[in-house]
Amino acid sequence: MSARPAIHFHIERLVLDGFPSTDRDLIAGAVQRELTRLFADHPTPSRLTSSMSLARLDAGSFSTKSAPLPRTVGTQAARAVFEGLNR
């Protein structure tokens, strides 16, 4: 069994309009945890098979129902980013 390649993933800025600034760290933590899980549980997106840098990745949008928990928002955002990397 071959070893999986090391992935160093850096998000300089995550733009989430319409959320209170007090939720920023909770959302960011959830994004980090979910991206870690997604990269561990799924094949590496083909776009990431070599060194690269993206100036911007538009991961689209996602729906939140009334008063979403920051953890849920972060998880949904991470999934949108991961899906964006697979396009």
N, C-alpha and C. Protein backbone atom coordinates (compact mmCIF):
# COMPACT_ATOMS: atom_id res chain seq x y z
N MET A 1 0.85 -1.19 0.00
CA MET A 1 0.00 0.00 0.00
C MET A 1 0.89 1.24 0.00
N SER A 2 0.66 2.16 -0.93
CA SER A 2 1.49 3.36 -1.00
C SER A 2 0.96 4.42 -0.05
N ALA A 3 1.88 5.22 0.41
CA ALA A 3 1.52 6.29 1.34
C ALA A 3 0.80 7.40 0.59
N ARG A 4 -0.15 8.02 1.26
CA ARG A 4 -0.85 9.16 0.66
C ARG A 4 0.08 10.36 0.67
N PRO A 5 -0.03 11.20 -0.33
CA PRO A 5 0.83 12.38 -0.35
C PRO A 5 0.45 13.34 0.79
N ALA A 6 1.45 14.05 1.28
CA ALA A 6 1.19 15.07 2.30
C ALA A 6 0.50 16.26 1.65
N ILE A 7 -0.50 16.77 2.30
CA ILE A 7 -1.21 17.94 1.78
C ILE A 7 -1.08 19.06 2.80
N HIS A 8 -0.62 20.19 2.32
CA HIS A 8 -0.56 21.40 3.15
C HIS A 8 -1.55 22.37 2.52
N PHE A 9 -2.60 22.64 3.24
CA PHE A 9 -3.71 23.42 2.71
C PHE A 9 -3.83 24.68 3.55
N HIS A 10 -3.73 25.83 2.91
CA HIS A 10 -3.79 27.11 3.64
C HIS A 10 -4.90 27.97 3.03
N ILE A 11 -5.82 28.37 3.87
CA ILE A 11 -6.86 29.31 3.45
C ILE A 11 -6.53 30.65 4.09
N GLU A 12 -6.17 31.59 3.25
CA GLU A 12 -5.81 32.90 3.77
C GLU A 12 -7.02 33.68 4.26
N ARG A 13 -8.11 33.56 3.49
CA ARG A 13 -9.30 34.30 3.87
C ARG A 13 -10.54 33.51 3.45
N LEU A 14 -11.45 33.36 4.36
CA LEU A 14 -12.73 32.70 4.10
C LEU A 14 -13.81 33.76 4.27
N VAL A 15 -14.52 34.05 3.20
CA VAL A 15 -15.53 35.11 3.23
C VAL A 15 -16.90 34.49 3.44
N LEU A 16 -17.52 34.84 4.53
CA LEU A 16 -18.87 34.39 4.86
C LEU A 16 -19.69 35.62 5.22
N ASP A 17 -20.42 36.12 4.26
CA ASP A 17 -21.23 37.31 4.50
C ASP A 17 -22.47 36.98 5.32
N GLY A 18 -22.82 37.90 6.21
CA GLY A 18 -24.08 37.77 6.94
C GLY A 18 -23.99 37.03 8.26
N PHE A 19 -22.79 36.68 8.71
CA PHE A 19 -22.64 35.97 9.97
C PHE A 19 -21.98 36.89 10.99
N PRO A 20 -22.37 36.80 12.25
CA PRO A 20 -21.79 37.66 13.28
C PRO A 20 -20.28 37.39 13.44
N SER A 21 -19.52 38.44 13.67
CA SER A 21 -18.07 38.30 13.85
C SER A 21 -17.73 37.43 15.06
N THR A 22 -18.64 37.34 16.01
CA THR A 22 -18.40 36.51 17.20
C THR A 22 -18.36 35.02 16.86
N ASP A 23 -18.91 34.65 15.70
CA ASP A 23 -18.91 33.25 15.28
C ASP A 23 -17.69 32.89 14.43
N ARG A 24 -16.86 33.86 14.12
CA ARG A 24 -15.73 33.67 13.21
C ARG A 24 -14.85 32.49 13.59
N ASP A 25 -14.37 32.45 14.82
CA ASP A 25 -13.46 31.38 15.24
C ASP A 25 -14.15 30.01 15.28
N LEU A 26 -15.41 29.99 15.66
CA LEU A 26 -16.15 28.72 15.68
C LEU A 26 -16.35 28.18 14.26
N ILE A 27 -16.68 29.06 13.33
CA ILE A 27 -16.85 28.65 11.94
C ILE A 27 -15.52 28.18 11.37
N ALA A 28 -14.45 28.94 11.59
CA ALA A 28 -13.13 28.57 11.07
C ALA A 28 -12.67 27.22 11.63
N GLY A 29 -12.90 26.98 12.91
CA GLY A 29 -12.52 25.70 13.51
C GLY A 29 -13.28 24.54 12.88
N ALA A 30 -14.57 24.75 12.63
CA ALA A 30 -15.38 23.70 12.00
C ALA A 30 -14.92 23.45 10.57
N VAL A 31 -14.55 24.51 9.85
CA VAL A 31 -14.02 24.36 8.49
C VAL A 31 -12.75 23.50 8.54
N GLN A 32 -11.86 23.81 9.44
CA GLN A 32 -10.60 23.06 9.55
C GLN A 32 -10.85 21.59 9.87
N ARG A 33 -11.70 21.32 10.83
CA ARG A 33 -11.98 19.93 11.21
C ARG A 33 -12.62 19.14 10.06
N GLU A 34 -13.58 19.76 9.38
CA GLU A 34 -14.26 19.05 8.30
C GLU A 34 -13.34 18.84 7.10
N LEU A 35 -12.52 19.83 6.75
CA LEU A 35 -11.57 19.63 5.65
C LEU A 35 -10.57 18.53 5.98
N THR A 36 -10.11 18.48 7.22
CA THR A 36 -9.20 17.42 7.65
C THR A 36 -9.86 16.06 7.48
N ARG A 37 -11.11 15.96 7.90
CA ARG A 37 -11.83 14.70 7.76
C ARG A 37 -12.03 14.33 6.29
N LEU A 38 -12.43 15.30 5.48
CA LEU A 38 -12.68 15.03 4.07
C LEU A 38 -11.41 14.57 3.35
N PHE A 39 -10.29 15.23 3.62
CA PHE A 39 -9.04 14.83 2.98
C PHE A 39 -8.57 13.46 3.46
N ALA A 40 -8.89 13.11 4.69
CA ALA A 40 -8.50 11.80 5.23
C ALA A 40 -9.39 10.68 4.69
N ASP A 41 -10.67 10.97 4.48
CA ASP A 41 -11.64 9.93 4.13
C ASP A 41 -11.89 9.76 2.63
N HIS A 42 -11.42 10.70 1.81
CA HIS A 42 -11.71 10.66 0.38
C HIS A 42 -10.42 10.75 -0.43
N PRO A 43 -10.47 10.30 -1.68
CA PRO A 43 -9.29 10.44 -2.53
C PRO A 43 -8.90 11.92 -2.69
N THR A 44 -7.62 12.15 -2.85
CA THR A 44 -7.13 13.51 -3.05
C THR A 44 -7.71 14.06 -4.36
N PRO A 45 -8.29 15.25 -4.32
CA PRO A 45 -8.82 15.83 -5.57
C PRO A 45 -7.72 15.89 -6.63
N SER A 46 -8.07 15.56 -7.87
CA SER A 46 -7.07 15.50 -8.94
C SER A 46 -6.36 16.83 -9.15
N ARG A 47 -7.02 17.92 -8.83
CA ARG A 47 -6.38 19.24 -8.97
C ARG A 47 -5.20 19.41 -8.02
N LEU A 48 -5.15 18.58 -6.98
CA LEU A 48 -4.11 18.74 -5.96
C LEU A 48 -3.01 17.68 -6.05
N THR A 49 -2.83 17.08 -7.20
CA THR A 49 -1.81 16.03 -7.31
C THR A 49 -0.41 16.60 -7.48
N SER A 50 -0.29 17.90 -7.68
CA SER A 50 1.02 18.54 -7.73
C SER A 50 0.92 19.87 -6.99
N SER A 51 2.07 20.47 -6.74
CA SER A 51 2.09 21.74 -6.03
C SER A 51 1.31 22.79 -6.82
N MET A 52 0.49 23.51 -6.14
CA MET A 52 -0.28 24.55 -6.81
C MET A 52 -0.72 25.61 -5.82
N SER A 53 -1.12 26.72 -6.36
CA SER A 53 -1.66 27.80 -5.56
C SER A 53 -2.85 28.38 -6.31
N LEU A 54 -3.92 28.61 -5.60
CA LEU A 54 -5.10 29.23 -6.18
C LEU A 54 -5.28 30.60 -5.56
N ALA A 55 -5.40 31.60 -6.39
CA ALA A 55 -5.64 32.94 -5.88
C ALA A 55 -7.04 33.04 -5.28
N ARG A 56 -7.95 32.24 -5.85
CA ARG A 56 -9.33 32.29 -5.38
C ARG A 56 -10.03 30.99 -5.77
N LEU A 57 -10.86 30.52 -4.90
CA LEU A 57 -11.70 29.37 -5.20
C LEU A 57 -13.12 29.74 -4.83
N ASP A 58 -13.96 29.87 -5.83
CA ASP A 58 -15.37 30.15 -5.57
C ASP A 58 -16.05 28.81 -5.32
N ALA A 59 -16.37 28.55 -4.09
CA ALA A 59 -17.00 27.29 -3.72
C ALA A 59 -18.51 27.37 -3.83
N GLY A 60 -19.00 28.45 -4.39
CA GLY A 60 -20.44 28.58 -4.56
C GLY A 60 -21.12 28.99 -3.29
N SER A 61 -22.34 28.57 -3.15
CA SER A 61 -23.11 28.95 -1.97
C SER A 61 -23.75 27.70 -1.38
N PHE A 62 -24.24 27.86 -0.19
CA PHE A 62 -24.95 26.78 0.47
C PHE A 62 -26.07 27.40 1.27
N SER A 63 -27.04 26.62 1.57
CA SER A 63 -28.22 27.11 2.26
C SER A 63 -28.11 26.87 3.76
N THR A 64 -28.50 27.85 4.52
CA THR A 64 -28.60 27.68 5.97
C THR A 64 -30.04 28.01 6.36
N LYS A 65 -30.57 27.22 7.22
CA LYS A 65 -31.92 27.47 7.72
C LYS A 65 -31.82 28.44 8.90
N SER A 66 -32.90 28.88 9.42
CA SER A 66 -32.93 29.92 10.44
C SER A 66 -31.95 29.66 11.60
N ALA A 67 -31.19 30.68 11.92
CA ALA A 67 -30.23 30.68 13.03
C ALA A 67 -29.34 29.44 13.05
N PRO A 68 -28.51 29.24 12.01
CA PRO A 68 -27.65 28.05 11.98
C PRO A 68 -26.56 28.11 13.03
N LEU A 69 -26.15 26.96 13.50
CA LEU A 69 -25.03 26.88 14.43
C LEU A 69 -23.74 27.14 13.68
N PRO A 70 -22.79 27.84 14.27
CA PRO A 70 -21.51 28.09 13.60
C PRO A 70 -20.83 26.80 13.14
N ARG A 71 -20.93 25.75 13.92
CA ARG A 71 -20.32 24.47 13.55
C ARG A 71 -20.92 23.93 12.26
N THR A 72 -22.24 24.07 12.12
CA THR A 72 -22.93 23.60 10.91
C THR A 72 -22.50 24.43 9.70
N VAL A 73 -22.41 25.73 9.88
CA VAL A 73 -21.98 26.62 8.81
C VAL A 73 -20.56 26.25 8.37
N GLY A 74 -19.67 26.04 9.32
CA GLY A 74 -18.29 25.67 8.99
C GLY A 74 -18.20 24.35 8.26
N THR A 75 -18.99 23.39 8.69
CA THR A 75 -19.01 22.08 8.03
C THR A 75 -19.51 22.21 6.60
N GLN A 76 -20.59 22.96 6.40
CA GLN A 76 -21.13 23.16 5.05
C GLN A 76 -20.14 23.91 4.17
N ALA A 77 -19.47 24.92 4.73
CA ALA A 77 -18.48 25.68 3.96
C ALA A 77 -17.32 24.78 3.54
N ALA A 78 -16.84 23.94 4.43
CA ALA A 78 -15.73 23.03 4.11
C ALA A 78 -16.14 22.06 3.00
N ARG A 79 -17.34 21.56 3.06
CA ARG A 79 -17.81 20.64 2.02
C ARG A 79 -17.90 21.35 0.67
N ALA A 80 -18.34 22.61 0.69
CA ALA A 80 -18.41 23.39 -0.55
C ALA A 80 -17.01 23.61 -1.13
N VAL A 81 -16.03 23.90 -0.26
CA VAL A 81 -14.64 24.08 -0.72
C VAL A 81 -14.12 22.77 -1.30
N PHE A 82 -14.33 21.66 -0.61
CA PHE A 82 -13.84 20.37 -1.07
C PHE A 82 -14.47 20.01 -2.42
N GLU A 83 -15.77 20.24 -2.55
CA GLU A 83 -16.44 19.99 -3.83
C GLU A 83 -15.89 20.90 -4.93
N GLY A 84 -15.59 22.15 -4.56
CA GLY A 84 -15.00 23.09 -5.53
C GLY A 84 -13.64 22.61 -6.03
N LEU A 85 -12.89 21.95 -5.17
CA LEU A 85 -11.60 21.41 -5.57
C LEU A 85 -11.75 20.20 -6.48
N ASN A 86 -12.88 19.55 -6.44
CA ASN A 86 -13.13 18.38 -7.28
C ASN A 86 -13.76 18.71 -8.63
N ARG A 87 -14.00 19.98 -8.89
CA ARG A 87 -14.60 20.37 -10.18
C ARG A 87 -13.52 20.54 -11.22
